[in-house]
Amino acid sequence: MQKPTTDPRVSSSEPAPSVDVQAIYDVIADPVLQIWSDALFAHRLARSADDEWQRGTYVRWTIAMAWTAVERSADETLGLSIVAEATGRPLPFREAVDRAVVEYRGRPAPPWQRGPWQRILELEGLCHSFAQLRDGVTPARLFAQVSEADRAIRDARVGIKAICRYVDHQPPGWISMPPAGAARA
């Protein structure tokens, strides 16, 4: 049996971090909250990264998780997976949202060319440009800037709220969680 070692970076006088068991349960019980928590954590890492490689990695992770939170929230709110099953194929995000809103909710399609809807599409495009290395993304472009992670978090918050409100749903409470590392009141 090995003798436990101590981490020299942690002072023995520092109190052990407290564990909020209910918060852990909430994250486990709600997959979208878990995804959103990952986005906020990646964002925090991006803001404190020591070098360009780490920063770029964490920024891309932030963008991917922010977009995934938007997609999953839209699915839970609008039933996008039901639309895909009805058509027999997965649909592009905008088309799936339009069908869910028009065919299943009897409302007009969202105004994608402006406001939060345009920001949703811009976030999707940014995520896909990194994930699929298309649209002229060069290896140098992978060293993304923290400002892109900042915008991804802002746009995901706005987008999730817009999707929920468009069909008279209350946005999830977790969408207003403070950024990772922010002081809580």
N, C-alpha and C. Protein backbone atom coordinates (compact mmCIF):
# COMPACT_ATOMS: atom_id res chain seq x y z
N MET A 1 0.84 -1.17 0.00
CA MET A 1 0.00 0.00 0.00
C MET A 1 0.89 1.24 0.00
N GLN A 2 0.57 2.19 -0.89
CA GLN A 2 1.37 3.40 -0.96
C GLN A 2 0.92 4.41 0.07
N LYS A 3 1.88 5.13 0.57
CA LYS A 3 1.60 6.19 1.52
C LYS A 3 1.04 7.40 0.74
N PRO A 4 -0.08 7.99 1.20
CA PRO A 4 -0.62 9.14 0.48
C PRO A 4 0.38 10.30 0.51
N THR A 5 0.41 11.03 -0.57
CA THR A 5 1.28 12.20 -0.65
C THR A 5 0.42 13.45 -0.61
N THR A 6 1.05 14.53 -0.25
CA THR A 6 0.32 15.79 -0.25
C THR A 6 0.72 16.60 -1.45
N ASP A 7 -0.16 17.39 -1.92
CA ASP A 7 0.09 18.25 -3.06
C ASP A 7 0.79 19.51 -2.57
N PRO A 8 2.02 19.80 -3.02
CA PRO A 8 2.75 20.96 -2.52
C PRO A 8 2.09 22.29 -2.91
N ARG A 9 1.16 22.26 -3.87
CA ARG A 9 0.49 23.50 -4.29
C ARG A 9 -0.62 23.90 -3.34
N VAL A 10 -1.04 22.99 -2.47
CA VAL A 10 -2.15 23.27 -1.56
C VAL A 10 -1.61 23.39 -0.14
N SER A 11 -1.90 24.50 0.46
CA SER A 11 -1.45 24.74 1.83
C SER A 11 -2.29 23.89 2.78
N SER A 12 -1.63 23.30 3.76
CA SER A 12 -2.37 22.48 4.73
C SER A 12 -3.26 23.32 5.62
N SER A 13 -3.04 24.63 5.63
CA SER A 13 -3.88 25.50 6.45
C SER A 13 -5.18 25.89 5.74
N GLU A 14 -5.29 25.57 4.44
CA GLU A 14 -6.49 25.90 3.71
C GLU A 14 -7.59 24.92 4.08
N PRO A 15 -8.81 25.42 4.30
CA PRO A 15 -9.91 24.49 4.62
C PRO A 15 -10.27 23.67 3.38
N ALA A 16 -10.73 22.47 3.62
CA ALA A 16 -11.18 21.63 2.52
C ALA A 16 -12.42 22.26 1.89
N PRO A 17 -12.55 22.16 0.56
CA PRO A 17 -13.73 22.76 -0.07
C PRO A 17 -15.00 22.06 0.41
N SER A 18 -16.04 22.85 0.60
CA SER A 18 -17.32 22.27 1.01
C SER A 18 -18.01 21.68 -0.22
N VAL A 19 -18.80 20.67 0.00
CA VAL A 19 -19.49 20.00 -1.08
C VAL A 19 -20.98 20.26 -0.93
N ASP A 20 -21.57 20.84 -1.95
CA ASP A 20 -23.00 21.08 -1.97
C ASP A 20 -23.66 19.87 -2.63
N VAL A 21 -24.10 18.94 -1.82
CA VAL A 21 -24.65 17.68 -2.32
C VAL A 21 -25.87 17.92 -3.19
N GLN A 22 -26.72 18.87 -2.84
CA GLN A 22 -27.90 19.15 -3.65
C GLN A 22 -27.51 19.67 -5.02
N ALA A 23 -26.49 20.51 -5.08
CA ALA A 23 -26.02 21.02 -6.38
C ALA A 23 -25.50 19.88 -7.24
N ILE A 24 -24.78 18.95 -6.64
CA ILE A 24 -24.27 17.80 -7.39
C ILE A 24 -25.45 16.97 -7.90
N TYR A 25 -26.45 16.72 -7.07
CA TYR A 25 -27.62 15.96 -7.50
C TYR A 25 -28.34 16.68 -8.65
N ASP A 26 -28.48 18.01 -8.54
CA ASP A 26 -29.16 18.77 -9.59
C ASP A 26 -28.45 18.60 -10.93
N VAL A 27 -27.12 18.63 -10.91
CA VAL A 27 -26.37 18.48 -12.14
C VAL A 27 -26.55 17.08 -12.72
N ILE A 28 -26.52 16.08 -11.87
CA ILE A 28 -26.68 14.70 -12.33
C ILE A 28 -28.09 14.48 -12.87
N ALA A 29 -29.08 15.04 -12.21
CA ALA A 29 -30.49 14.82 -12.58
C ALA A 29 -30.89 15.58 -13.84
N ASP A 30 -30.18 16.61 -14.20
CA ASP A 30 -30.54 17.42 -15.37
C ASP A 30 -29.37 17.45 -16.34
N PRO A 31 -29.42 16.64 -17.39
CA PRO A 31 -28.28 16.59 -18.33
C PRO A 31 -27.94 17.94 -18.96
N VAL A 32 -28.93 18.78 -19.22
CA VAL A 32 -28.63 20.07 -19.83
C VAL A 32 -27.91 20.97 -18.83
N LEU A 33 -28.28 20.88 -17.56
CA LEU A 33 -27.55 21.63 -16.54
C LEU A 33 -26.10 21.14 -16.48
N GLN A 34 -25.90 19.85 -16.62
CA GLN A 34 -24.54 19.32 -16.62
C GLN A 34 -23.75 19.89 -17.81
N ILE A 35 -24.36 19.94 -18.96
CA ILE A 35 -23.71 20.50 -20.15
C ILE A 35 -23.40 21.98 -19.92
N TRP A 36 -24.37 22.71 -19.36
CA TRP A 36 -24.17 24.14 -19.11
C TRP A 36 -23.06 24.35 -18.07
N SER A 37 -23.03 23.51 -17.05
CA SER A 37 -21.96 23.60 -16.05
C SER A 37 -20.60 23.36 -16.70
N ASP A 38 -20.55 22.41 -17.64
CA ASP A 38 -19.30 22.17 -18.37
C ASP A 38 -18.90 23.41 -19.17
N ALA A 39 -19.87 24.06 -19.80
CA ALA A 39 -19.57 25.27 -20.56
C ALA A 39 -18.99 26.36 -19.66
N LEU A 40 -19.61 26.55 -18.49
CA LEU A 40 -19.12 27.57 -17.57
C LEU A 40 -17.74 27.22 -17.02
N PHE A 41 -17.51 25.94 -16.76
CA PHE A 41 -16.21 25.51 -16.26
C PHE A 41 -15.13 25.70 -17.34
N ALA A 42 -15.43 25.30 -18.56
CA ALA A 42 -14.49 25.50 -19.67
C ALA A 42 -14.19 26.98 -19.86
N HIS A 43 -15.21 27.81 -19.72
CA HIS A 43 -15.05 29.26 -19.85
C HIS A 43 -14.09 29.78 -18.78
N ARG A 44 -14.26 29.30 -17.57
CA ARG A 44 -13.36 29.70 -16.48
C ARG A 44 -11.92 29.29 -16.79
N LEU A 45 -11.74 28.07 -17.27
CA LEU A 45 -10.40 27.60 -17.62
C LEU A 45 -9.80 28.44 -18.76
N ALA A 46 -10.63 28.80 -19.73
CA ALA A 46 -10.14 29.63 -20.84
C ALA A 46 -9.64 30.98 -20.33
N ARG A 47 -10.35 31.54 -19.39
CA ARG A 47 -9.98 32.86 -18.87
C ARG A 47 -8.71 32.81 -18.01
N SER A 48 -8.36 31.63 -17.50
CA SER A 48 -7.18 31.54 -16.64
C SER A 48 -6.06 30.69 -17.26
N ALA A 49 -6.16 30.36 -18.53
CA ALA A 49 -5.17 29.51 -19.18
C ALA A 49 -3.80 30.17 -19.19
N ASP A 50 -2.78 29.33 -19.04
CA ASP A 50 -1.41 29.81 -18.98
C ASP A 50 -0.77 30.07 -20.34
N ASP A 51 -1.28 29.41 -21.37
CA ASP A 51 -0.66 29.58 -22.69
C ASP A 51 -1.72 29.53 -23.78
N GLU A 52 -1.30 29.84 -25.00
CA GLU A 52 -2.23 29.92 -26.13
C GLU A 52 -2.88 28.57 -26.45
N TRP A 53 -2.11 27.49 -26.32
CA TRP A 53 -2.65 26.17 -26.62
C TRP A 53 -3.80 25.82 -25.68
N GLN A 54 -3.57 26.00 -24.38
CA GLN A 54 -4.63 25.73 -23.40
C GLN A 54 -5.81 26.65 -23.64
N ARG A 55 -5.53 27.93 -23.82
CA ARG A 55 -6.62 28.89 -24.02
C ARG A 55 -7.47 28.49 -25.23
N GLY A 56 -6.84 28.18 -26.35
CA GLY A 56 -7.60 27.80 -27.54
C GLY A 56 -8.44 26.56 -27.31
N THR A 57 -7.87 25.59 -26.62
CA THR A 57 -8.60 24.35 -26.31
C THR A 57 -9.82 24.65 -25.46
N TYR A 58 -9.63 25.43 -24.40
CA TYR A 58 -10.74 25.73 -23.50
C TYR A 58 -11.78 26.63 -24.15
N VAL A 59 -11.35 27.54 -25.01
CA VAL A 59 -12.32 28.38 -25.73
C VAL A 59 -13.17 27.51 -26.64
N ARG A 60 -12.54 26.61 -27.39
CA ARG A 60 -13.31 25.73 -28.28
C ARG A 60 -14.25 24.83 -27.49
N TRP A 61 -13.80 24.36 -26.34
CA TRP A 61 -14.66 23.53 -25.47
C TRP A 61 -15.85 24.36 -24.99
N THR A 62 -15.59 25.60 -24.58
CA THR A 62 -16.68 26.48 -24.14
C THR A 62 -17.72 26.63 -25.24
N ILE A 63 -17.26 26.91 -26.44
CA ILE A 63 -18.16 27.13 -27.57
C ILE A 63 -18.97 25.86 -27.86
N ALA A 64 -18.31 24.72 -27.87
CA ALA A 64 -19.01 23.45 -28.14
C ALA A 64 -20.06 23.16 -27.08
N MET A 65 -19.73 23.36 -25.82
CA MET A 65 -20.68 23.07 -24.74
C MET A 65 -21.81 24.09 -24.73
N ALA A 66 -21.51 25.36 -25.00
CA ALA A 66 -22.56 26.38 -25.05
C ALA A 66 -23.56 26.03 -26.16
N TRP A 67 -23.04 25.65 -27.34
CA TRP A 67 -23.93 25.29 -28.43
C TRP A 67 -24.74 24.04 -28.09
N THR A 68 -24.10 23.05 -27.48
CA THR A 68 -24.80 21.83 -27.10
C THR A 68 -25.91 22.14 -26.11
N ALA A 69 -25.67 23.06 -25.20
CA ALA A 69 -26.72 23.45 -24.25
C ALA A 69 -27.91 24.08 -24.98
N VAL A 70 -27.63 24.89 -26.00
CA VAL A 70 -28.72 25.48 -26.79
C VAL A 70 -29.50 24.37 -27.49
N GLU A 71 -28.80 23.46 -28.16
CA GLU A 71 -29.47 22.37 -28.87
C GLU A 71 -30.33 21.52 -27.94
N ARG A 72 -29.76 21.11 -26.81
CA ARG A 72 -30.49 20.24 -25.88
C ARG A 72 -31.68 20.99 -25.25
N SER A 73 -31.49 22.26 -24.94
CA SER A 73 -32.60 23.05 -24.39
C SER A 73 -33.73 23.16 -25.40
N ALA A 74 -33.36 23.40 -26.65
CA ALA A 74 -34.38 23.48 -27.70
C ALA A 74 -35.10 22.15 -27.86
N ASP A 75 -34.36 21.06 -27.76
CA ASP A 75 -35.00 19.75 -27.87
C ASP A 75 -35.98 19.54 -26.72
N GLU A 76 -35.56 19.85 -25.50
CA GLU A 76 -36.45 19.67 -24.35
C GLU A 76 -37.65 20.59 -24.41
N THR A 77 -37.46 21.81 -24.87
CA THR A 77 -38.54 22.79 -24.91
C THR A 77 -39.49 22.57 -26.08
N LEU A 78 -38.93 22.25 -27.25
CA LEU A 78 -39.73 22.19 -28.47
C LEU A 78 -39.99 20.77 -28.98
N GLY A 79 -39.27 19.80 -28.47
CA GLY A 79 -39.44 18.43 -28.95
C GLY A 79 -38.78 18.19 -30.29
N LEU A 80 -37.56 18.66 -30.47
CA LEU A 80 -36.89 18.50 -31.76
C LEU A 80 -36.65 17.04 -32.12
N SER A 81 -36.44 16.18 -31.12
CA SER A 81 -36.24 14.76 -31.44
C SER A 81 -37.54 14.15 -31.97
N ILE A 82 -38.68 14.64 -31.54
CA ILE A 82 -39.97 14.16 -32.07
C ILE A 82 -40.11 14.56 -33.53
N VAL A 83 -39.67 15.79 -33.85
CA VAL A 83 -39.71 16.25 -35.24
C VAL A 83 -38.82 15.35 -36.10
N ALA A 84 -37.63 15.03 -35.60
CA ALA A 84 -36.71 14.17 -36.35
C ALA A 84 -37.32 12.79 -36.57
N GLU A 85 -37.96 12.25 -35.54
CA GLU A 85 -38.60 10.94 -35.68
C GLU A 85 -39.73 11.00 -36.70
N ALA A 86 -40.49 12.08 -36.69
CA ALA A 86 -41.62 12.22 -37.62
C ALA A 86 -41.15 12.32 -39.07
N THR A 87 -40.00 12.95 -39.28
CA THR A 87 -39.49 13.11 -40.65
C THR A 87 -38.66 11.91 -41.08
N GLY A 88 -38.26 11.10 -40.10
CA GLY A 88 -37.45 9.93 -40.42
C GLY A 88 -35.98 10.24 -40.63
N ARG A 89 -35.58 11.45 -40.30
CA ARG A 89 -34.17 11.83 -40.47
C ARG A 89 -33.87 13.03 -39.56
N PRO A 90 -32.62 13.16 -39.17
CA PRO A 90 -32.27 14.36 -38.40
C PRO A 90 -32.32 15.58 -39.32
N LEU A 91 -32.74 16.67 -38.76
CA LEU A 91 -32.85 17.91 -39.53
C LEU A 91 -31.83 18.92 -39.04
N PRO A 92 -31.42 19.83 -39.92
CA PRO A 92 -30.60 20.94 -39.44
C PRO A 92 -31.36 21.70 -38.36
N PHE A 93 -30.63 22.29 -37.44
CA PHE A 93 -31.23 22.93 -36.26
C PHE A 93 -32.34 23.90 -36.63
N ARG A 94 -32.06 24.84 -37.51
CA ARG A 94 -33.06 25.86 -37.87
C ARG A 94 -34.32 25.22 -38.44
N GLU A 95 -34.16 24.26 -39.32
CA GLU A 95 -35.32 23.59 -39.91
C GLU A 95 -36.12 22.83 -38.85
N ALA A 96 -35.43 22.17 -37.94
CA ALA A 96 -36.11 21.44 -36.88
C ALA A 96 -36.89 22.38 -35.97
N VAL A 97 -36.29 23.52 -35.62
CA VAL A 97 -36.99 24.50 -34.77
C VAL A 97 -38.21 25.04 -35.51
N ASP A 98 -38.02 25.41 -36.77
CA ASP A 98 -39.15 25.93 -37.55
C ASP A 98 -40.30 24.93 -37.59
N ARG A 99 -40.01 23.68 -37.88
CA ARG A 99 -41.07 22.66 -37.95
C ARG A 99 -41.73 22.47 -36.59
N ALA A 100 -40.93 22.43 -35.53
CA ALA A 100 -41.50 22.24 -34.19
C ALA A 100 -42.42 23.38 -33.83
N VAL A 101 -42.02 24.59 -34.15
CA VAL A 101 -42.81 25.77 -33.78
C VAL A 101 -44.05 25.89 -34.67
N VAL A 102 -43.90 25.72 -35.98
CA VAL A 102 -45.01 25.92 -36.92
C VAL A 102 -45.99 24.73 -36.86
N GLU A 103 -45.47 23.52 -37.02
CA GLU A 103 -46.35 22.35 -37.13
C GLU A 103 -46.91 21.87 -35.80
N TYR A 104 -46.14 21.99 -34.74
CA TYR A 104 -46.57 21.43 -33.46
C TYR A 104 -47.07 22.49 -32.48
N ARG A 105 -46.73 23.73 -32.72
CA ARG A 105 -47.16 24.80 -31.81
C ARG A 105 -48.09 25.79 -32.48
N GLY A 106 -48.20 25.73 -33.79
CA GLY A 106 -49.09 26.63 -34.52
C GLY A 106 -48.67 28.08 -34.49
N ARG A 107 -47.39 28.31 -34.40
CA ARG A 107 -46.86 29.68 -34.35
C ARG A 107 -46.01 29.92 -35.59
N PRO A 108 -45.76 31.18 -35.90
CA PRO A 108 -44.86 31.47 -37.03
C PRO A 108 -43.43 31.08 -36.67
N ALA A 109 -42.65 30.81 -37.70
CA ALA A 109 -41.24 30.49 -37.49
C ALA A 109 -40.54 31.69 -36.86
N PRO A 110 -39.55 31.46 -36.05
CA PRO A 110 -38.82 32.57 -35.42
C PRO A 110 -38.16 33.47 -36.47
N PRO A 111 -37.93 34.73 -36.14
CA PRO A 111 -37.27 35.66 -37.06
C PRO A 111 -35.75 35.48 -37.02
N TRP A 112 -35.24 34.51 -37.75
CA TRP A 112 -33.83 34.12 -37.69
C TRP A 112 -32.86 35.21 -38.14
N GLN A 113 -33.34 36.19 -38.84
CA GLN A 113 -32.44 37.21 -39.38
C GLN A 113 -32.12 38.34 -38.39
N ARG A 114 -32.67 38.26 -37.18
CA ARG A 114 -32.40 39.35 -36.24
C ARG A 114 -32.45 38.89 -34.78
N GLY A 115 -31.92 39.73 -33.93
CA GLY A 115 -31.99 39.54 -32.49
C GLY A 115 -31.38 38.25 -32.00
N PRO A 116 -32.00 37.67 -30.97
CA PRO A 116 -31.43 36.46 -30.37
C PRO A 116 -31.37 35.28 -31.35
N TRP A 117 -32.26 35.27 -32.31
CA TRP A 117 -32.31 34.16 -33.26
C TRP A 117 -31.09 34.20 -34.18
N GLN A 118 -30.70 35.39 -34.58
CA GLN A 118 -29.49 35.53 -35.39
C GLN A 118 -28.26 35.13 -34.56
N ARG A 119 -28.26 35.49 -33.28
CA ARG A 119 -27.14 35.11 -32.41
C ARG A 119 -27.05 33.60 -32.23
N ILE A 120 -28.20 32.92 -32.19
CA ILE A 120 -28.21 31.46 -32.10
C ILE A 120 -27.52 30.86 -33.33
N LEU A 121 -27.88 31.36 -34.51
CA LEU A 121 -27.28 30.83 -35.73
C LEU A 121 -25.79 31.14 -35.81
N GLU A 122 -25.39 32.31 -35.32
CA GLU A 122 -23.97 32.65 -35.31
C GLU A 122 -23.19 31.72 -34.38
N LEU A 123 -23.77 31.39 -33.22
CA LEU A 123 -23.12 30.45 -32.30
C LEU A 123 -23.01 29.07 -32.94
N GLU A 124 -24.09 28.63 -33.60
CA GLU A 124 -24.05 27.34 -34.29
C GLU A 124 -22.94 27.33 -35.34
N GLY A 125 -22.86 28.38 -36.12
CA GLY A 125 -21.83 28.46 -37.16
C GLY A 125 -20.43 28.44 -36.59
N LEU A 126 -20.22 29.16 -35.49
CA LEU A 126 -18.91 29.18 -34.85
C LEU A 126 -18.54 27.79 -34.34
N CYS A 127 -19.47 27.13 -33.69
CA CYS A 127 -19.22 25.78 -33.18
C CYS A 127 -18.90 24.83 -34.32
N HIS A 128 -19.68 24.87 -35.36
CA HIS A 128 -19.47 23.96 -36.48
C HIS A 128 -18.16 24.26 -37.21
N SER A 129 -17.77 25.52 -37.26
CA SER A 129 -16.52 25.85 -37.94
C SER A 129 -15.33 25.20 -37.25
N PHE A 130 -15.37 25.14 -35.92
CA PHE A 130 -14.29 24.47 -35.19
C PHE A 130 -14.45 22.96 -35.25
N ALA A 131 -15.65 22.48 -35.07
CA ALA A 131 -15.87 21.04 -35.01
C ALA A 131 -15.61 20.37 -36.35
N GLN A 132 -15.92 21.07 -37.43
CA GLN A 132 -15.79 20.46 -38.75
C GLN A 132 -14.63 21.03 -39.55
N LEU A 133 -13.88 21.95 -38.93
CA LEU A 133 -12.73 22.58 -39.60
C LEU A 133 -13.06 22.99 -41.03
N ARG A 134 -14.11 23.75 -41.14
CA ARG A 134 -14.53 24.22 -42.46
C ARG A 134 -14.52 25.74 -42.50
N ASP A 135 -14.98 26.27 -43.58
CA ASP A 135 -15.09 27.71 -43.74
C ASP A 135 -13.76 28.43 -43.52
N GLY A 136 -12.68 27.84 -44.03
CA GLY A 136 -11.39 28.50 -43.96
C GLY A 136 -10.72 28.49 -42.60
N VAL A 137 -11.11 27.58 -41.72
CA VAL A 137 -10.46 27.50 -40.41
C VAL A 137 -9.08 26.90 -40.61
N THR A 138 -8.07 27.67 -40.27
CA THR A 138 -6.69 27.22 -40.39
C THR A 138 -6.21 26.72 -39.04
N PRO A 139 -5.12 25.96 -39.02
CA PRO A 139 -4.59 25.54 -37.72
C PRO A 139 -4.33 26.72 -36.78
N ALA A 140 -3.88 27.83 -37.31
CA ALA A 140 -3.64 29.01 -36.47
C ALA A 140 -4.94 29.51 -35.84
N ARG A 141 -6.05 29.34 -36.55
CA ARG A 141 -7.36 29.79 -36.04
C ARG A 141 -7.80 29.02 -34.80
N LEU A 142 -7.24 27.82 -34.62
CA LEU A 142 -7.62 27.02 -33.47
C LEU A 142 -7.16 27.63 -32.15
N PHE A 143 -6.26 28.62 -32.22
CA PHE A 143 -5.84 29.34 -31.03
C PHE A 143 -6.84 30.47 -30.78
N ALA A 144 -8.04 30.09 -30.47
CA ALA A 144 -9.15 31.04 -30.34
C ALA A 144 -8.97 31.96 -29.14
N GLN A 145 -9.59 33.11 -29.23
CA GLN A 145 -9.49 34.13 -28.18
C GLN A 145 -10.60 33.98 -27.15
N VAL A 146 -10.31 34.39 -25.93
CA VAL A 146 -11.28 34.31 -24.83
C VAL A 146 -12.54 35.09 -25.15
N SER A 147 -12.42 36.16 -25.90
CA SER A 147 -13.61 36.95 -26.24
C SER A 147 -14.65 36.10 -26.98
N GLU A 148 -14.21 35.08 -27.72
CA GLU A 148 -15.15 34.19 -28.40
C GLU A 148 -15.89 33.30 -27.39
N ALA A 149 -15.19 32.88 -26.35
CA ALA A 149 -15.86 32.10 -25.29
C ALA A 149 -16.84 32.99 -24.55
N ASP A 150 -16.45 34.23 -24.27
CA ASP A 150 -17.34 35.18 -23.60
C ASP A 150 -18.63 35.34 -24.40
N ARG A 151 -18.47 35.53 -25.70
CA ARG A 151 -19.64 35.72 -26.55
C ARG A 151 -20.48 34.46 -26.63
N ALA A 152 -19.85 33.29 -26.69
CA ALA A 152 -20.60 32.03 -26.76
C ALA A 152 -21.49 31.86 -25.53
N ILE A 153 -20.96 32.18 -24.36
CA ILE A 153 -21.75 32.07 -23.13
C ILE A 153 -22.91 33.07 -23.17
N ARG A 154 -22.62 34.31 -23.55
CA ARG A 154 -23.69 35.33 -23.63
C ARG A 154 -24.76 34.92 -24.64
N ASP A 155 -24.33 34.48 -25.83
CA ASP A 155 -25.29 34.13 -26.88
C ASP A 155 -26.11 32.89 -26.50
N ALA A 156 -25.48 31.94 -25.84
CA ALA A 156 -26.24 30.75 -25.40
C ALA A 156 -27.29 31.14 -24.37
N ARG A 157 -26.93 32.00 -23.43
CA ARG A 157 -27.92 32.46 -22.43
C ARG A 157 -29.11 33.13 -23.12
N VAL A 158 -28.79 34.05 -24.02
CA VAL A 158 -29.85 34.79 -24.74
C VAL A 158 -30.67 33.83 -25.59
N GLY A 159 -30.00 32.91 -26.27
CA GLY A 159 -30.69 31.97 -27.15
C GLY A 159 -31.62 31.03 -26.41
N ILE A 160 -31.15 30.47 -25.31
CA ILE A 160 -32.00 29.55 -24.54
C ILE A 160 -33.21 30.28 -23.99
N LYS A 161 -33.01 31.48 -23.50
CA LYS A 161 -34.16 32.27 -23.01
C LYS A 161 -35.13 32.57 -24.14
N ALA A 162 -34.62 32.93 -25.32
CA ALA A 162 -35.49 33.26 -26.46
C ALA A 162 -36.30 32.05 -26.90
N ILE A 163 -35.66 30.89 -26.96
CA ILE A 163 -36.37 29.67 -27.36
C ILE A 163 -37.50 29.37 -26.39
N CYS A 164 -37.20 29.44 -25.10
CA CYS A 164 -38.23 29.15 -24.10
C CYS A 164 -39.37 30.16 -24.16
N ARG A 165 -39.04 31.41 -24.21
CA ARG A 165 -40.08 32.46 -24.19
C ARG A 165 -40.92 32.45 -25.46
N TYR A 166 -40.34 32.02 -26.57
CA TYR A 166 -41.07 32.02 -27.83
C TYR A 166 -42.29 31.10 -27.77
N VAL A 167 -42.20 30.07 -26.94
CA VAL A 167 -43.33 29.14 -26.80
C VAL A 167 -43.91 29.19 -25.39
N ASP A 168 -43.75 30.33 -24.74
CA ASP A 168 -44.33 30.60 -23.42
C ASP A 168 -43.87 29.62 -22.34
N HIS A 169 -42.62 29.21 -22.40
CA HIS A 169 -42.02 28.39 -21.34
C HIS A 169 -41.14 29.28 -20.48
N GLN A 170 -41.05 28.95 -19.23
CA GLN A 170 -40.14 29.64 -18.33
C GLN A 170 -38.72 29.13 -18.61
N PRO A 171 -37.76 30.03 -18.84
CA PRO A 171 -36.38 29.55 -19.03
C PRO A 171 -35.89 28.82 -17.78
N PRO A 172 -35.02 27.85 -17.94
CA PRO A 172 -34.52 27.13 -16.77
C PRO A 172 -33.76 28.07 -15.83
N GLY A 173 -33.90 27.84 -14.55
CA GLY A 173 -33.24 28.70 -13.57
C GLY A 173 -31.73 28.70 -13.69
N TRP A 174 -31.17 27.57 -14.10
CA TRP A 174 -29.71 27.47 -14.19
C TRP A 174 -29.10 28.38 -15.24
N ILE A 175 -29.90 28.87 -16.19
CA ILE A 175 -29.33 29.71 -17.23
C ILE A 175 -28.79 31.02 -16.68
N SER A 176 -29.25 31.40 -15.51
CA SER A 176 -28.76 32.64 -14.88
C SER A 176 -27.63 32.39 -13.90
N MET A 177 -27.11 31.16 -13.85
CA MET A 177 -25.98 30.89 -12.95
C MET A 177 -24.86 31.87 -13.28
N PRO A 178 -24.19 32.35 -12.24
CA PRO A 178 -23.07 33.27 -12.52
C PRO A 178 -21.96 32.52 -13.24
N PRO A 179 -21.15 33.24 -13.99
CA PRO A 179 -20.01 32.59 -14.65
C PRO A 179 -19.15 31.88 -13.61
N ALA A 180 -18.54 30.79 -14.01
CA ALA A 180 -17.68 30.02 -13.10
C ALA A 180 -16.61 30.93 -12.52
N GLY A 181 -16.44 30.83 -11.22
CA GLY A 181 -15.42 31.63 -10.57
C GLY A 181 -15.90 32.99 -10.11
N ALA A 182 -17.11 33.38 -10.52
CA ALA A 182 -17.64 34.69 -10.10
C ALA A 182 -18.06 34.62 -8.64
N ALA A 183 -17.91 35.71 -7.97
CA ALA A 183 -18.33 35.77 -6.56
C ALA A 183 -19.84 35.66 -6.48
N ARG A 184 -20.30 34.89 -5.53
CA ARG A 184 -21.74 34.75 -5.32
C ARG A 184 -22.16 35.61 -4.16
N ALA A 185 -23.36 36.14 -4.25
CA ALA A 185 -23.88 37.00 -3.19
C ALA A 185 -24.34 36.18 -2.01
